[in-house]
Amino acid sequence: MKKKSYIALALLAALAAAPLVAAPAVAQVAAAPAPTPPTEEVRRPDLIADYFAADPATASRGAVIVLGGSEGGLGGSRNLARRLAADGFNAIAVSYFGEAGQSPRLNEIPIEPVGAALVWLQARPEAAGPIAIVGVSKGAELALLTASREPRIKAVAVGVPSSLVWQGIDQTGAPTGSSWTVEDQPLPYTSYDFSRGFVSIFALYAGAVDTAPAEAEIPVERIAGPVLMISGQADTLWPSADMAARIERRLQAHDFAFPIVNIAYPDAGHAVFGPPIRDPNAPALQAVLSVGGTIPALVSARADGWPRVLAFLREALSH
């Protein structure tokens, strides 16, 4: 089988699994029965986003930028932003690819929409104060990358993160370069490992981590605030627990001046980050097993992890 065919199989499988991580299967059993519509929808050439304002009586200072994963669009990030607003945070869900007017594939995607969201938030009186960023999976990669370049981001909370900039994703198997660009210039990246052919999605990533070029490592030590990471040791999409540990070691090696929280839940998979599961017996929940872990471990990790995320954000935004 030719390399392009390997890529097509791998990325088709990745995209098939990705929506389970951030949106449909998990969110439907975790979200409130009647979703609250966005306070404001932003549809501009430089920013496609949904903003959810928290109750002014209980809102924390500042705001949170929310990034979903490789499912693209606003589906996953919108669900998380809506829940964060219900929990007392002004939150803006940002699409970086996959919505109308944006690239349909995750390849050489500009990171600038995150900066546009930051500027947009700073113009909102109710969002005055520090800005945090929350990202899941590829959104975690983007969150860490952007925060390492943007000192106005004062806290980072990520689920199943990456320590590296990775090769892009195209569901047709077409060639891809870097996932990200800055000022139209592709960033250095780590290529997938096809040294053994296509074994699994996980192997494409795990086999490349140790040999990744130094310039593809995200310079997380430049982040201007505390970092929280949540991962699952049974993640079968990519080695998030290992990459979170590498991020932690890099921060420590650079005498990072802010708190570092790294939580890796045993037997939990790639869907570990997010609000508690409302119905552990919901049939849709079975779908998340495709990205690793067990349902009891996922339910337990979500119940423990989400309050930690909220506490982390409240503390970070209080200064």
Foldseek 3Di string as FASTA:
>chain_A
DDQLVLQLVAQLVLLVQQCCQFADLQLVQFADPDQDAAPDADDDLLWGKGKHAADLVQAFAAAEEEEEEQNFDQRRRVSQQSVVSPVHHTYMYTTQACDPNHHNWQAATELRNVVVVVVVLCVDPRRPFAYAYEYAYVGQASRLQVLLVDQSHAEYEYELHAQFFAWIGDNRSPDGGTSHDYPSHHFQHWFFDCVVHNDHLANRAVVGVVVGDPSGGRQSLSRNYEYEYEYEPFFRNYRSLVRLVVVVVNNVVVVRPYHYHYYYFYQDYSNQDDAARNDLPDPSNVSNCVRTGDSVSSNVSNPPPPVVVSVVVSVRRND
